[in-house]
PDB file of all heavy atoms in Angstrom:
ATOM      1  N   GLU A   1       0.814  -1.210   0.000  1.00  0.00           N
ATOM      2  CA  GLU A   1       0.000   0.000   0.000  1.00  0.00           C
ATOM      3  C   GLU A   1       0.848   1.261   0.000  1.00  0.00           C
ATOM      4  O   GLU A   1       0.521   2.243  -0.677  1.00  0.00           O
ATOM      5  CB  GLU A   1      -0.938   0.009   1.207  1.00  0.00           C
ATOM      6  CG  GLU A   1      -2.098  -0.949   1.105  1.00  0.00           C
ATOM      7  CD  GLU A   1      -3.064  -0.810   2.273  1.00  0.00           C
ATOM      8  OE1 GLU A   1      -2.897   0.145   3.079  1.00  0.00           O
ATOM      9  OE2 GLU A   1      -3.998  -1.631   2.375  1.00  0.00           O
ATOM     10  N   ARG A   2       1.947   1.257   0.764  1.00  0.00           N
ATOM     11  CA  ARG A   2       2.772   2.452   0.894  1.00  0.00           C
ATOM     12  C   ARG A   2       3.981   2.461  -0.038  1.00  0.00           C
ATOM     13  O   ARG A   2       4.726   3.431  -0.055  1.00  0.00           O
ATOM     14  CB  ARG A   2       3.242   2.610   2.349  1.00  0.00           C
ATOM     15  CG  ARG A   2       2.150   2.915   3.365  1.00  0.00           C
ATOM     16  CD  ARG A   2       1.193   4.012   2.889  1.00  0.00           C
ATOM     17  NE  ARG A   2       1.889   5.142   2.327  1.00  0.00           N
ATOM     18  CZ  ARG A   2       2.131   6.280   2.966  1.00  0.00           C
ATOM     19  NH1 ARG A   2       1.687   6.434   4.201  1.00  0.00           N
ATOM     20  NH2 ARG A   2       2.764   7.270   2.376  1.00  0.00           N
ATOM     21  N   ASN A   3       4.139   1.386  -0.801  1.00  0.00           N
ATOM     22  CA  ASN A   3       5.304   1.269  -1.696  1.00  0.00           C
ATOM     23  C   ASN A   3       6.587   1.570  -0.926  1.00  0.00           C
ATOM     24  O   ASN A   3       7.445   2.344  -1.369  1.00  0.00           O
ATOM     25  CB  ASN A   3       5.173   2.207  -2.888  1.00  0.00           C
ATOM     26  CG  ASN A   3       6.204   1.915  -3.976  1.00  0.00           C
ATOM     27  OD1 ASN A   3       6.615   0.775  -4.163  1.00  0.00           O
ATOM     28  ND2 ASN A   3       6.643   2.956  -4.679  1.00  0.00           N
ATOM     29  N   ALA A   4       6.717   0.946   0.225  1.00  0.00           N
ATOM     30  CA  ALA A   4       7.873   1.147   1.108  1.00  0.00           C
ATOM     31  C   ALA A   4       8.176  -0.163   1.818  1.00  0.00           C
ATOM     32  O   ALA A   4       7.295  -1.003   2.013  1.00  0.00           O
ATOM     33  CB  ALA A   4       7.580   2.236   2.134  1.00  0.00           C
ATOM     34  N   VAL A   5       9.433  -0.334   2.221  1.00  0.00           N
ATOM     35  CA  VAL A   5       9.787  -1.474   3.057  1.00  0.00           C
ATOM     36  C   VAL A   5       9.212  -1.262   4.452  1.00  0.00           C
ATOM     37  O   VAL A   5       9.260  -0.160   4.998  1.00  0.00           O
ATOM     38  CB  VAL A   5      11.314  -1.644   3.138  1.00  0.00           C
ATOM     39  CG1 VAL A   5      11.701  -2.646   4.221  1.00  0.00           C
ATOM     40  CG2 VAL A   5      11.872  -2.084   1.790  1.00  0.00           C
ATOM     41  N   VAL A   6       8.655  -2.306   5.033  1.00  0.00           N
ATOM     42  CA  VAL A   6       8.181  -2.287   6.416  1.00  0.00           C
ATOM     43  C   VAL A   6       9.001  -3.294   7.201  1.00  0.00           C
ATOM     44  O   VAL A   6       9.134  -4.459   6.787  1.00  0.00           O
ATOM     45  CB  VAL A   6       6.683  -2.637   6.506  1.00  0.00           C
ATOM     46  CG1 VAL A   6       6.232  -2.674   7.962  1.00  0.00           C
ATOM     47  CG2 VAL A   6       5.841  -1.634   5.712  1.00  0.00           C
ATOM     48  N   MET A   7       9.570  -2.868   8.331  1.00  0.00           N
ATOM     49  CA  MET A   7      10.353  -3.786   9.156  1.00  0.00           C
ATOM     50  C   MET A   7       9.940  -3.675  10.620  1.00  0.00           C
ATOM     51  O   MET A   7       9.572  -2.604  11.113  1.00  0.00           O
ATOM     52  CB  MET A   7      11.850  -3.530   9.024  1.00  0.00           C
ATOM     53  CG  MET A   7      12.328  -2.187   9.514  1.00  0.00           C
ATOM     54  SD  MET A   7      14.135  -2.118   9.830  1.00  0.00           S
ATOM     55  CE  MET A   7      14.259  -3.067  11.349  1.00  0.00           C
ATOM     56  N   GLY A   8       9.982  -4.796  11.303  1.00  0.00           N
ATOM     57  CA  GLY A   8       9.702  -4.872  12.735  1.00  0.00           C
ATOM     58  C   GLY A   8       9.883  -6.312  13.146  1.00  0.00           C
ATOM     59  O   GLY A   8       9.976  -7.203  12.287  1.00  0.00           O
ATOM     60  N   SER A   9       9.954  -6.586  14.453  1.00  0.00           N
ATOM     61  CA  SER A   9      10.122  -7.985  14.868  1.00  0.00           C
ATOM     62  C   SER A   9       8.850  -8.508  15.509  1.00  0.00           C
ATOM     63  O   SER A   9       8.055  -7.756  16.081  1.00  0.00           O
ATOM     64  CB  SER A   9      11.311  -8.146  15.821  1.00  0.00           C
ATOM     65  OG  SER A   9      10.944  -8.019  17.171  1.00  0.00           O
ATOM     66  N   LEU A  10       8.668  -9.823  15.376  1.00  0.00           N
ATOM     67  CA  LEU A  10       7.545 -10.509  16.001  1.00  0.00           C
ATOM     68  C   LEU A  10       7.986 -11.921  16.364  1.00  0.00           C
ATOM     69  O   LEU A  10       9.069 -12.369  15.983  1.00  0.00           O
ATOM     70  CB  LEU A  10       6.325 -10.530  15.081  1.00  0.00           C
ATOM     71  CG  LEU A  10       6.427 -11.163  13.704  1.00  0.00           C
ATOM     72  CD1 LEU A  10       5.046 -11.656  13.261  1.00  0.00           C
ATOM     73  CD2 LEU A  10       6.931 -10.151  12.693  1.00  0.00           C
ATOM     74  N   ILE A  11       7.148 -12.594  17.119  1.00  0.00           N
ATOM     75  CA  ILE A  11       7.463 -13.946  17.581  1.00  0.00           C
ATOM     76  C   ILE A  11       7.076 -14.936  16.479  1.00  0.00           C
ATOM     77  O   ILE A  11       5.913 -15.027  16.098  1.00  0.00           O
ATOM     78  CB  ILE A  11       6.717 -14.272  18.878  1.00  0.00           C
ATOM     79  CG1 ILE A  11       7.056 -13.251  19.964  1.00  0.00           C
ATOM     80  CG2 ILE A  11       7.056 -15.684  19.352  1.00  0.00           C
ATOM     81  CD1 ILE A  11       6.163 -13.352  21.201  1.00  0.00           C
ATOM     82  N   ILE A  12       8.068 -15.674  15.996  1.00  0.00           N
ATOM     83  CA  ILE A  12       7.855 -16.628  14.900  1.00  0.00           C
ATOM     84  C   ILE A  12       8.235 -18.026  15.366  1.00  0.00           C
ATOM     85  O   ILE A  12       9.254 -18.221  16.042  1.00  0.00           O
ATOM     86  CB  ILE A  12       8.706 -16.242  13.672  1.00  0.00           C
ATOM     87  CG1 ILE A  12       8.204 -14.938  13.053  1.00  0.00           C
ATOM     88  CG2 ILE A  12       8.723 -17.362  12.638  1.00  0.00           C
ATOM     89  CD1 ILE A  12       6.844 -15.034  12.381  1.00  0.00           C
ATOM     90  N   THR A  13       7.424 -19.002  14.990  1.00  0.00           N
ATOM     91  CA  THR A  13       7.766 -20.403  15.227  1.00  0.00           C
ATOM     92  C   THR A  13       8.150 -21.053  13.911  1.00  0.00           C
ATOM     93  O   THR A  13       7.507 -20.828  12.884  1.00  0.00           O
ATOM     94  CB  THR A  13       6.602 -21.176  15.882  1.00  0.00           C
ATOM     95  OG1 THR A  13       6.999 -22.533  16.106  1.00  0.00           O
ATOM     96  CG2 THR A  13       5.341 -21.140  15.042  1.00  0.00           C
ATOM     97  N   GLU A  14       9.215 -21.858  13.957  1.00  0.00           N
ATOM     98  CA  GLU A  14       9.722 -22.503  12.751  1.00  0.00           C
ATOM     99  C   GLU A  14      10.540 -23.719  13.157  1.00  0.00           C
ATOM    100  O   GLU A  14      11.424 -23.619  14.008  1.00  0.00           O
ATOM    101  CB  GLU A  14      10.580 -21.511  11.961  1.00  0.00           C
ATOM    102  CG  GLU A  14      10.982 -21.968  10.579  1.00  0.00           C
ATOM    103  CD  GLU A  14      11.670 -20.851   9.810  1.00  0.00           C
ATOM    104  OE1 GLU A  14      12.851 -20.568  10.114  1.00  0.00           O
ATOM    105  OE2 GLU A  14      11.023 -20.254   8.936  1.00  0.00           O
ATOM    106  N   ASN A  15      10.215 -24.852  12.593  1.00  0.00           N
ATOM    107  CA  ASN A  15      10.942 -26.104  12.858  1.00  0.00           C
ATOM    108  C   ASN A  15      11.045 -26.413  14.348  1.00  0.00           C
ATOM    109  O   ASN A  15      12.078 -26.888  14.838  1.00  0.00           O
ATOM    110  CB  ASN A  15      12.348 -26.037  12.241  1.00  0.00           C
ATOM    111  CG  ASN A  15      12.308 -25.865  10.735  1.00  0.00           C
ATOM    112  OD1 ASN A  15      11.449 -26.418  10.061  1.00  0.00           O
ATOM    113  ND2 ASN A  15      13.235 -25.074  10.209  1.00  0.00           N
ATOM    114  N   GLY A  16       9.981 -26.146  15.076  1.00  0.00           N
ATOM    115  CA  GLY A  16       9.934 -26.462  16.495  1.00  0.00           C
ATOM    116  C   GLY A  16      10.626 -25.466  17.402  1.00  0.00           C
ATOM    117  O   GLY A  16      10.696 -25.673  18.616  1.00  0.00           O
ATOM    118  N   ASN A  17      11.156 -24.382  16.839  1.00  0.00           N
ATOM    119  CA  ASN A  17      11.836 -23.346  17.618  1.00  0.00           C
ATOM    120  C   ASN A  17      11.046 -22.041  17.565  1.00  0.00           C
ATOM    121  O   ASN A  17      10.217 -21.832  16.689  1.00  0.00           O
ATOM    122  CB  ASN A  17      13.250 -23.103  17.071  1.00  0.00           C
ATOM    123  CG  ASN A  17      14.136 -24.324  17.191  1.00  0.00           C
ATOM    124  OD1 ASN A  17      14.166 -24.984  18.229  1.00  0.00           O
ATOM    125  ND2 ASN A  17      14.856 -24.632  16.130  1.00  0.00           N
ATOM    126  N   TYR A  18      11.358 -21.154  18.522  1.00  0.00           N
ATOM    127  CA  TYR A  18      10.752 -19.833  18.562  1.00  0.00           C
ATOM    128  C   TYR A  18      11.845 -18.790  18.383  1.00  0.00           C
ATOM    129  O   TYR A  18      12.929 -18.908  18.953  1.00  0.00           O
ATOM    130  CB  TYR A  18      10.033 -19.605  19.897  1.00  0.00           C
ATOM    131  CG  TYR A  18       8.916 -20.590  20.158  1.00  0.00           C
ATOM    132  CD1 TYR A  18       9.085 -21.627  21.083  1.00  0.00           C
ATOM    133  CD2 TYR A  18       7.718 -20.508  19.461  1.00  0.00           C
ATOM    134  CE1 TYR A  18       8.070 -22.531  21.315  1.00  0.00           C
ATOM    135  CE2 TYR A  18       6.697 -21.423  19.686  1.00  0.00           C
ATOM    136  CZ  TYR A  18       6.882 -22.429  20.609  1.00  0.00           C
ATOM    137  OH  TYR A  18       5.880 -23.339  20.830  1.00  0.00           O
ATOM    138  N   TYR A  19      11.528 -17.772  17.576  1.00  0.00           N
ATOM    139  CA  TYR A  19      12.499 -16.733  17.275  1.00  0.00           C
ATOM    140  C   TYR A  19      11.906 -15.343  17.490  1.00  0.00           C
ATOM    141  O   TYR A  19      10.720 -15.113  17.219  1.00  0.00           O
ATOM    142  CB  TYR A  19      12.958 -16.836  15.808  1.00  0.00           C
ATOM    143  CG  TYR A  19      13.630 -18.140  15.462  1.00  0.00           C
ATOM    144  CD1 TYR A  19      12.895 -19.205  14.935  1.00  0.00           C
ATOM    145  CD2 TYR A  19      14.996 -18.321  15.674  1.00  0.00           C
ATOM    146  CE1 TYR A  19      13.500 -20.410  14.613  1.00  0.00           C
ATOM    147  CE2 TYR A  19      15.618 -19.523  15.358  1.00  0.00           C
ATOM    148  CZ  TYR A  19      14.868 -20.565  14.832  1.00  0.00           C
ATOM    149  OH  TYR A  19      15.475 -21.749  14.534  1.00  0.00           O
ATOM    150  N   ASN A  20      12.749 -14.440  17.981  1.00  0.00           N
ATOM    151  CA  ASN A  20      12.436 -13.010  17.976  1.00  0.00           C
ATOM    152  C   ASN A  20      12.976 -12.511  16.636  1.00  0.00           C
ATOM    153  O   ASN A  20      14.154 -12.212  16.499  1.00  0.00           O
ATOM    154  CB  ASN A  20      13.115 -12.314  19.156  1.00  0.00           C
ATOM    155  CG  ASN A  20      12.751 -10.844  19.260  1.00  0.00           C
ATOM    156  OD1 ASN A  20      12.176 -10.253  18.354  1.00  0.00           O
ATOM    157  ND2 ASN A  20      13.108 -10.247  20.394  1.00  0.00           N
ATOM    158  N   ARG A  21      12.100 -12.440  15.638  1.00  0.00           N
ATOM    159  CA  ARG A  21      12.531 -12.314  14.247  1.00  0.00           C
ATOM    160  C   ARG A  21      12.136 -10.977  13.629  1.00  0.00           C
ATOM    161  O   ARG A  21      10.955 -10.608  13.624  1.00  0.00           O
ATOM    162  CB  ARG A  21      11.951 -13.452  13.419  1.00  0.00           C
ATOM    163  CG  ARG A  21      12.229 -13.374  11.921  1.00  0.00           C
ATOM    164  CD  ARG A  21      11.830 -14.655  11.208  1.00  0.00           C
ATOM    165  NE  ARG A  21      12.711 -15.772  11.591  1.00  0.00           N
ATOM    166  CZ  ARG A  21      12.569 -17.008  11.138  1.00  0.00           C
ATOM    167  NH1 ARG A  21      11.595 -17.294  10.265  1.00  0.00           N
ATOM    168  NH2 ARG A  21      13.396 -17.968  11.526  1.00  0.00           N
ATOM    169  N   ILE A  22      13.128 -10.286  13.083  1.00  0.00           N
ATOM    170  CA  ILE A  22      12.857  -9.121  12.244  1.00  0.00           C
ATOM    171  C   ILE A  22      12.399  -9.610  10.879  1.00  0.00           C
ATOM    172  O   ILE A  22      13.025 -10.471  10.272  1.00  0.00           O
ATOM    173  CB  ILE A  22      14.106  -8.238  12.069  1.00  0.00           C
ATOM    174  CG1 ILE A  22      14.393  -7.427  13.338  1.00  0.00           C
ATOM    175  CG2 ILE A  22      13.921  -7.275  10.890  1.00  0.00           C
ATOM    176  CD1 ILE A  22      15.615  -6.526  13.232  1.00  0.00           C
ATOM    177  N   ILE A  23      11.296  -9.039  10.423  1.00  0.00           N
ATOM    178  CA  ILE A  23      10.839  -9.244   9.055  1.00  0.00           C
ATOM    179  C   ILE A  23      11.146  -7.972   8.264  1.00  0.00           C
ATOM    180  O   ILE A  23      10.760  -6.873   8.681  1.00  0.00           O
ATOM    181  CB  ILE A  23       9.334  -9.542   8.994  1.00  0.00           C
ATOM    182  CG1 ILE A  23       8.986 -10.768   9.861  1.00  0.00           C
ATOM    183  CG2 ILE A  23       8.871  -9.731   7.555  1.00  0.00           C
ATOM    184  CD1 ILE A  23       9.599 -12.060   9.398  1.00  0.00           C
ATOM    185  N   TRP A  24      11.830  -8.131   7.161  1.00  0.00           N
ATOM    186  CA  TRP A  24      12.129  -7.024   6.243  1.00  0.00           C
ATOM    187  C   TRP A  24      11.258  -7.246   5.012  1.00  0.00           C
ATOM    188  O   TRP A  24      11.570  -8.062   4.144  1.00  0.00           O
ATOM    189  CB  TRP A  24      13.617  -7.031   5.898  1.00  0.00           C
ATOM    190  CG  TRP A  24      14.061  -6.001   4.911  1.00  0.00           C
ATOM    191  CD1 TRP A  24      14.069  -6.121   3.546  1.00  0.00           C
ATOM    192  CD2 TRP A  24      14.574  -4.689   5.196  1.00  0.00           C
ATOM    193  NE1 TRP A  24      14.552  -4.975   2.967  1.00  0.00           N
ATOM    194  CE2 TRP A  24      14.876  -4.083   3.960  1.00  0.00           C
ATOM    195  CE3 TRP A  24      14.813  -3.989   6.380  1.00  0.00           C
ATOM    196  CZ2 TRP A  24      15.402  -2.795   3.875  1.00  0.00           C
ATOM    197  CZ3 TRP A  24      15.339  -2.713   6.290  1.00  0.00           C
ATOM    198  CH2 TRP A  24      15.635  -2.128   5.063  1.00  0.00           C
ATOM    199  N   MET A  25      10.110  -6.557   4.965  1.00  0.00           N
ATOM    200  CA  MET A  25       9.115  -6.803   3.936  1.00  0.00           C
ATOM    201  C   MET A  25       9.178  -5.735   2.847  1.00  0.00           C
ATOM    202  O   MET A  25       9.026  -4.549   3.118  1.00  0.00           O
ATOM    203  CB  MET A  25       7.716  -6.819   4.560  1.00  0.00           C
ATOM    204  CG  MET A  25       6.601  -7.102   3.564  1.00  0.00           C
ATOM    205  SD  MET A  25       6.696  -8.747   2.815  1.00  0.00           S
ATOM    206  CE  MET A  25       6.212  -9.765   4.228  1.00  0.00           C
ATOM    207  N   ARG A  26       9.383  -6.175   1.611  1.00  0.00           N
ATOM    208  CA  ARG A  26       9.459  -5.263   0.473  1.00  0.00           C
ATOM    209  C   ARG A  26       8.076  -5.052  -0.150  1.00  0.00           C
ATOM    210  O   ARG A  26       7.181  -5.902  -0.003  1.00  0.00           O
ATOM    211  CB  ARG A  26      10.417  -5.816  -0.569  1.00  0.00           C
ATOM    212  CG  ARG A  26      11.838  -6.065  -0.078  1.00  0.00           C
ATOM    213  CD  ARG A  26      12.725  -6.517  -1.234  1.00  0.00           C
ATOM    214  NE  ARG A  26      14.081  -6.825  -0.786  1.00  0.00           N
ATOM    215  CZ  ARG A  26      14.493  -8.043  -0.422  1.00  0.00           C
ATOM    216  NH1 ARG A  26      13.645  -9.067  -0.452  1.00  0.00           N
ATOM    217  NH2 ARG A  26      15.739  -8.239  -0.035  1.00  0.00           N
ATOM    218  N   PRO A  27       7.915  -3.964  -0.901  1.00  0.00           N
ATOM    219  CA  PRO A  27       6.624  -3.712  -1.554  1.00  0.00           C
ATOM    220  C   PRO A  27       6.205  -4.788  -2.544  1.00  0.00           C
ATOM    221  O   PRO A  27       5.007  -4.964  -2.789  1.00  0.00           O
ATOM    222  CB  PRO A  27       6.853  -2.366  -2.267  1.00  0.00           C
ATOM    223  CG  PRO A  27       7.958  -1.715  -1.525  1.00  0.00           C
ATOM    224  CD  PRO A  27       8.841  -2.828  -1.048  1.00  0.00           C
ATOM    225  N   ASP A  28       7.172  -5.506  -3.114  1.00  0.00           N
ATOM    226  CA  ASP A  28       6.818  -6.552  -4.078  1.00  0.00           C
ATOM    227  C   ASP A  28       6.436  -7.860  -3.405  1.00  0.00           C
ATOM    228  O   ASP A  28       6.170  -8.862  -4.082  1.00  0.00           O
ATOM    229  CB  ASP A  28       7.951  -6.767  -5.088  1.00  0.00           C
ATOM    230  CG  ASP A  28       9.226  -7.330  -4.454  1.00  0.00           C
ATOM    231  OD1 ASP A  28       9.237  -7.607  -3.236  1.00  0.00           O
ATOM    232  OD2 ASP A  28      10.236  -7.490  -5.184  1.00  0.00           O
ATOM    233  N   GLY A  29       6.405  -7.873  -2.065  1.00  0.00           N
ATOM    234  CA  GLY A  29       5.978  -9.055  -1.331  1.00  0.00           C
ATOM    235  C   GLY A  29       7.094  -9.999  -0.946  1.00  0.00           C
ATOM    236  O   GLY A  29       6.867 -10.952  -0.177  1.00  0.00           O
ATOM    237  N   THR A  30       8.305  -9.773  -1.447  1.00  0.00           N
ATOM    238  CA  THR A  30       9.436 -10.595  -1.025  1.00  0.00           C
ATOM    239  C   THR A  30       9.966 -10.088   0.309  1.00  0.00           C
ATOM    240  O   THR A  30       9.741  -8.931   0.684  1.00  0.00           O
ATOM    241  CB  THR A  30      10.562 -10.582  -2.068  1.00  0.00           C
ATOM    242  OG1 THR A  30      11.077  -9.245  -2.204  1.00  0.00           O
ATOM    243  CG2 THR A  30      10.053 -11.076  -3.414  1.00  0.00           C
ATOM    244  N   LEU A  31      10.658 -10.950   1.035  1.00  0.00           N
ATOM    245  CA  LEU A  31      11.134 -10.563   2.358  1.00  0.00           C
ATOM    246  C   LEU A  31      12.465 -11.203   2.691  1.00  0.00           C
ATOM    247  O   LEU A  31      12.875 -12.184   2.081  1.00  0.00           O
ATOM    248  CB  LEU A  31      10.087 -10.910   3.425  1.00  0.00           C
ATOM    249  CG  LEU A  31       9.722 -12.396   3.643  1.00  0.00           C
ATOM    250  CD1 LEU A  31      10.687 -13.100   4.582  1.00  0.00           C
ATOM    251  CD2 LEU A  31       8.305 -12.518   4.175  1.00  0.00           C
TER     252      LEU A  31
END
C-alpha cells in the first residue's frame, strides 16, 4: 500500500523453535 519497506520484529515459530525475528518486507511481497 505504501510502496515502502516495512520492518519490525515478532514472535515466529519454525521447525519447532521460537524466534524473535525481524521481518524485512518489500513492496513486491518478497522478504
